[in-house]
Amino acid sequence: MCNYYSRHRPASELQATFGFVDPIPNLEPRYVVRPTDTERVVAIGKDGARHFPAMRWGLVPAWAEDIKTGLTLFNVRAETLRNKRAFAAPFDKRRRCVVPVDGFFEFTGERGAKQPWYFKPRDGRLMAFAGIWESWTGPRDAPLAEPLISFSVATTAPNATVVPIHARMPVLLTEDADWDAWLDPASAPDRLVKMLAPADDDLLEVFPVTRDLLKIKMPDASVLEPVSVAAT
């Protein structure tokens, strides 16, 4: 599961890295992105170019009768991506995206005493989640004026860094070739499925961060600072 992540690079760096053709947006740092938040992703448009649209995190299937369907579809298990109706359709229709990310959070402990842990690349590189997206036009009896575009993040088995904390981890794409392959409409589905694997064991470092993360409405950079677990 991945239900919190951080994206705080400036949009100019994201444009230089991912090569989207849209004008560089005025993009504020997002130190904590949560399901149902709207965040920018990189996807191929109808013109065949890379774009940087805003999408809602939590995929709402095209056939859904209620937007609440997306509340539980913010992650898609790599192992069942092609078997679940909600996810197989956008995958087969080449509605794939990469989600720029600086790090992600997982939690340990009991409800009411959750301890957040922050995972980030040891070398500071920019990463991207492998995602899929869908367009929802609303319930049949109450269509939306504009379609809702939403996305989900692929998850896989944990690597050695994540396994002490959580039983799943997001699929992390860290190289130009991986981003290119995931976005390319011509990529063979079998090749893409093989990409949905745990990250290298030496990619990430992890440390505890403030438990106030769950309470702060407008998190700033301080929520990414290491803390002593004994002091939280």
Protein backbone atom coordinates (compact mmCIF):
# COMPACT_ATOMS: atom_id res chain seq x y z
CA MET A 1 0.00 0.00 0.00
CA CYS A 2 1.09 3.55 -0.66
CA ASN A 3 -1.28 6.23 0.55
CA TYR A 4 1.03 9.18 1.28
CA TYR A 5 3.87 10.54 -0.80
CA SER A 6 5.93 13.70 -1.24
CA ARG A 7 6.61 15.78 -4.37
CA HIS A 8 8.47 19.00 -3.74
CA ARG A 9 10.75 19.50 -6.79
CA PRO A 10 10.09 22.68 -8.77
CA ALA A 11 8.06 22.30 -11.94
CA SER A 12 11.00 23.51 -14.03
CA GLU A 13 13.05 20.49 -12.94
CA LEU A 14 10.15 18.16 -13.64
CA GLN A 15 9.76 19.62 -17.13
CA ALA A 16 13.47 19.22 -17.82
CA THR A 17 13.41 15.63 -16.58
CA PHE A 18 10.19 14.33 -18.13
CA GLY A 19 9.99 16.54 -21.21
CA PHE A 20 6.31 17.47 -21.11
CA VAL A 21 5.28 20.04 -23.70
CA ASP A 22 2.91 22.11 -21.55
CA PRO A 23 3.98 25.50 -20.22
CA ILE A 24 5.69 25.14 -16.85
CA PRO A 25 2.94 25.52 -14.24
CA ASN A 26 3.15 27.51 -11.03
CA LEU A 27 3.51 24.42 -8.87
CA GLU A 28 3.81 24.65 -5.10
CA PRO A 29 5.77 21.98 -3.20
CA ARG A 30 3.57 19.17 -1.90
CA TYR A 31 5.28 17.63 1.11
CA VAL A 32 2.41 15.25 1.70
CA VAL A 33 0.05 14.07 -1.06
CA ARG A 34 -2.91 12.00 0.11
CA PRO A 35 -5.61 9.99 -1.69
CA THR A 36 -8.30 12.24 -3.24
CA ASP A 37 -5.74 15.06 -3.56
CA THR A 38 -5.20 16.47 -7.04
CA GLU A 39 -1.60 16.24 -8.22
CA ARG A 40 0.29 16.54 -11.51
CA VAL A 41 1.36 13.45 -13.45
CA VAL A 42 3.05 12.85 -16.80
CA ALA A 43 0.93 11.16 -19.48
CA ILE A 44 0.72 10.87 -23.27
CA GLY A 45 -1.93 13.08 -24.85
CA LYS A 46 -4.01 12.53 -27.96
CA ASP A 47 -1.31 14.38 -29.91
CA GLY A 48 1.26 11.74 -28.94
CA ALA A 49 3.27 14.21 -26.83
CA ARG A 50 3.95 14.18 -23.13
CA HIS A 51 1.71 16.38 -21.02
CA PHE A 52 1.56 17.31 -17.33
CA PRO A 53 -2.13 17.22 -16.37
CA ALA A 54 -3.62 17.50 -12.91
CA MET A 55 -5.39 14.29 -11.82
CA ARG A 56 -7.20 13.13 -8.71
CA TRP A 57 -5.45 10.37 -6.77
CA GLY A 58 -7.87 7.45 -6.48
CA LEU A 59 -8.96 5.93 -9.77
CA VAL A 60 -12.67 6.18 -10.54
CA PRO A 61 -13.52 3.55 -13.18
CA ALA A 62 -15.37 4.68 -16.29
CA TRP A 63 -18.31 2.47 -15.30
CA ALA A 64 -18.58 3.71 -11.69
CA GLU A 65 -21.89 5.11 -10.50
CA ASP A 66 -20.33 6.94 -7.52
CA ILE A 67 -17.12 8.90 -7.14
CA LYS A 68 -16.61 7.13 -3.80
CA THR A 69 -15.48 4.09 -5.77
CA GLY A 70 -12.14 5.86 -6.08
CA LEU A 71 -11.63 5.99 -2.32
CA THR A 72 -10.32 2.42 -2.32
CA LEU A 73 -8.62 2.41 -5.73
CA PHE A 74 -5.60 4.62 -5.09
CA ASN A 75 -3.33 1.57 -5.41
CA VAL A 76 -3.35 -1.28 -7.91
CA ARG A 77 -1.56 -4.53 -7.12
CA ALA A 78 0.92 -5.41 -9.87
CA GLU A 79 0.00 -9.08 -9.58
CA THR A 80 -3.66 -8.47 -10.46
CA LEU A 81 -3.35 -5.42 -12.72
CA ARG A 82 -4.61 -7.29 -15.77
CA ASN A 83 -7.30 -9.24 -13.92
CA LYS A 84 -9.26 -6.51 -12.14
CA ARG A 85 -11.88 -4.80 -14.29
CA ALA A 86 -11.22 -1.34 -12.84
CA PHE A 87 -7.53 -1.48 -13.75
CA ALA A 88 -7.36 -3.78 -16.77
CA ALA A 89 -9.41 -1.41 -18.93
CA PRO A 90 -7.16 1.68 -18.58
CA PHE A 91 -4.03 -0.49 -18.83
CA ASP A 92 -5.26 -2.11 -22.05
CA LYS A 93 -6.25 1.30 -23.42
CA ARG A 94 -2.68 2.53 -22.82
CA ARG A 95 -3.78 5.03 -20.20
CA ARG A 96 -0.52 4.91 -18.31
CA CYS A 97 1.19 7.71 -16.42
CA VAL A 98 4.27 8.34 -14.35
CA VAL A 99 3.87 10.19 -11.07
CA PRO A 100 6.85 12.36 -10.06
CA VAL A 101 7.82 11.62 -6.47
CA ASP A 102 10.60 12.58 -4.07
CA GLY A 103 9.69 10.01 -1.42
CA PHE A 104 6.84 8.08 0.16
CA PHE A 105 5.53 7.21 3.60
CA GLU A 106 4.54 3.98 5.30
CA PHE A 107 3.27 3.47 8.84
CA THR A 108 3.77 1.11 11.75
CA GLY A 109 1.92 0.77 15.05
CA GLU A 110 -1.66 0.60 16.19
CA ARG A 111 -4.48 2.95 15.30
CA GLY A 112 -4.12 6.12 17.34
CA ALA A 113 -0.37 5.60 17.70
CA LYS A 114 0.79 5.32 14.11
CA GLN A 115 4.44 6.02 13.41
CA PRO A 116 5.21 7.37 9.90
CA TRP A 117 8.41 6.32 8.13
CA TYR A 118 9.77 8.23 5.17
CA PHE A 119 11.48 6.46 2.27
CA LYS A 120 13.62 8.48 -0.14
CA PRO A 121 16.43 7.70 -2.60
CA ARG A 122 19.89 7.62 -1.03
CA ASP A 123 21.38 9.62 -3.88
CA GLY A 124 18.60 12.22 -4.06
CA ARG A 125 17.48 11.23 -7.55
CA LEU A 126 14.02 12.00 -8.85
CA MET A 127 11.73 8.97 -8.99
CA ALA A 128 8.32 8.26 -10.47
CA PHE A 129 5.54 5.88 -9.56
CA ALA A 130 4.17 3.67 -12.32
CA GLY A 131 0.52 4.65 -12.62
CA ILE A 132 -2.60 4.23 -14.69
CA TRP A 133 -5.35 6.76 -15.25
CA GLU A 134 -9.01 6.86 -16.24
CA SER A 135 -11.64 9.36 -17.33
CA TRP A 136 -15.02 9.33 -15.54
CA THR A 137 -18.01 11.19 -16.94
CA GLY A 138 -20.19 10.75 -13.85
CA PRO A 139 -23.25 8.63 -13.03
CA ARG A 140 -25.52 7.77 -15.93
CA ASP A 141 -28.36 9.84 -14.49
CA ALA A 142 -26.17 12.83 -13.56
CA PRO A 143 -23.26 13.27 -16.01
CA LEU A 144 -20.52 15.70 -15.13
CA ALA A 145 -20.00 18.92 -17.04
CA GLU A 146 -16.32 17.94 -17.40
CA PRO A 147 -14.85 14.44 -17.02
CA LEU A 148 -12.98 13.64 -13.82
CA ILE A 149 -9.48 12.36 -14.57
CA SER A 150 -8.01 10.17 -11.85
CA PHE A 151 -5.06 7.85 -11.34
CA SER A 152 -3.85 4.89 -9.32
CA VAL A 153 -0.33 3.86 -8.31
CA ALA A 154 1.01 0.33 -8.90
CA THR A 155 2.36 -1.56 -5.89
CA THR A 156 4.49 -4.68 -5.63
CA ALA A 157 6.31 -6.83 -3.08
CA PRO A 158 8.67 -4.94 -0.76
CA ASN A 159 12.41 -4.80 -1.19
CA ALA A 160 14.84 -5.35 1.69
CA THR A 161 14.56 -1.74 2.87
CA VAL A 162 10.76 -1.68 2.97
CA VAL A 163 10.01 -5.18 4.27
CA PRO A 164 10.65 -4.40 7.98
CA ILE A 165 8.06 -1.62 7.75
CA HIS A 166 5.41 -2.77 5.28
CA ALA A 167 4.33 -5.74 3.17
CA ARG A 168 3.99 -3.70 -0.05
CA MET A 169 5.81 -0.88 -1.81
CA PRO A 170 5.03 1.36 -4.79
CA VAL A 171 6.59 0.51 -8.13
CA LEU A 172 9.43 3.01 -8.52
CA LEU A 173 10.71 3.98 -11.97
CA THR A 174 14.08 5.70 -11.72
CA GLU A 175 15.57 5.77 -15.22
CA ASP A 176 14.71 7.53 -18.48
CA ALA A 177 14.37 4.17 -20.22
CA ASP A 178 11.78 3.01 -17.68
CA TRP A 179 9.72 6.18 -17.98
CA ASP A 180 9.91 5.97 -21.76
CA ALA A 181 8.78 2.33 -21.82
CA TRP A 182 5.92 2.83 -19.36
CA LEU A 183 4.54 5.80 -21.30
CA ASP A 184 5.11 4.44 -24.81
CA PRO A 185 1.75 3.33 -26.29
CA ALA A 186 3.64 0.77 -28.40
CA SER A 187 5.23 -1.03 -25.43
CA ALA A 188 4.31 -4.71 -25.19
CA PRO A 189 2.03 -5.40 -22.18
CA ASP A 190 4.11 -8.38 -21.08
CA ARG A 191 7.22 -6.20 -20.94
CA LEU A 192 5.40 -3.60 -18.88
CA VAL A 193 4.15 -6.16 -16.38
CA LYS A 194 7.73 -7.35 -15.86
CA MET A 195 8.67 -3.80 -14.93
CA LEU A 196 6.31 -3.88 -11.95
CA ALA A 197 8.99 -5.25 -9.63
CA PRO A 198 10.51 -4.17 -6.30
CA ALA A 199 13.16 -1.47 -6.46
CA ASP A 200 16.81 -2.38 -5.94
CA ASP A 201 17.58 -3.02 -2.29
CA ASP A 202 20.14 -0.20 -2.14
CA LEU A 203 17.95 2.51 -3.72
CA LEU A 204 16.20 3.84 -0.61
CA GLU A 205 16.96 5.02 2.86
CA VAL A 206 14.27 5.17 5.57
CA PHE A 207 13.81 7.03 8.84
CA PRO A 208 10.95 7.95 11.20
CA VAL A 209 9.29 11.36 10.88
CA THR A 210 6.90 13.26 13.09
CA ARG A 211 3.63 11.61 14.05
CA ASP A 212 2.01 15.03 13.64
CA LEU A 213 2.10 14.25 9.91
CA LEU A 214 -1.38 12.80 10.30
CA LYS A 215 -2.72 15.98 11.91
CA ILE A 216 -1.11 18.82 9.97
CA LYS A 217 -3.46 20.23 7.33
CA MET A 218 -0.77 22.13 5.41
CA PRO A 219 2.50 20.20 5.87
CA ASP A 220 5.80 21.95 5.21
CA ALA A 221 9.35 20.63 4.77
CA SER A 222 9.66 19.95 8.51
CA VAL A 223 7.55 16.79 8.14
CA LEU A 224 10.39 15.21 6.15
CA GLU A 225 12.95 15.66 8.93
CA PRO A 226 14.12 12.56 10.85
CA VAL A 227 12.98 12.23 14.45
CA SER A 228 13.80 9.92 17.32
CA VAL A 229 11.09 7.31 17.69
CA ALA A 230 11.53 7.44 21.45
CA ALA A 231 10.74 11.18 21.34
CA THR A 232 7.50 10.88 19.32
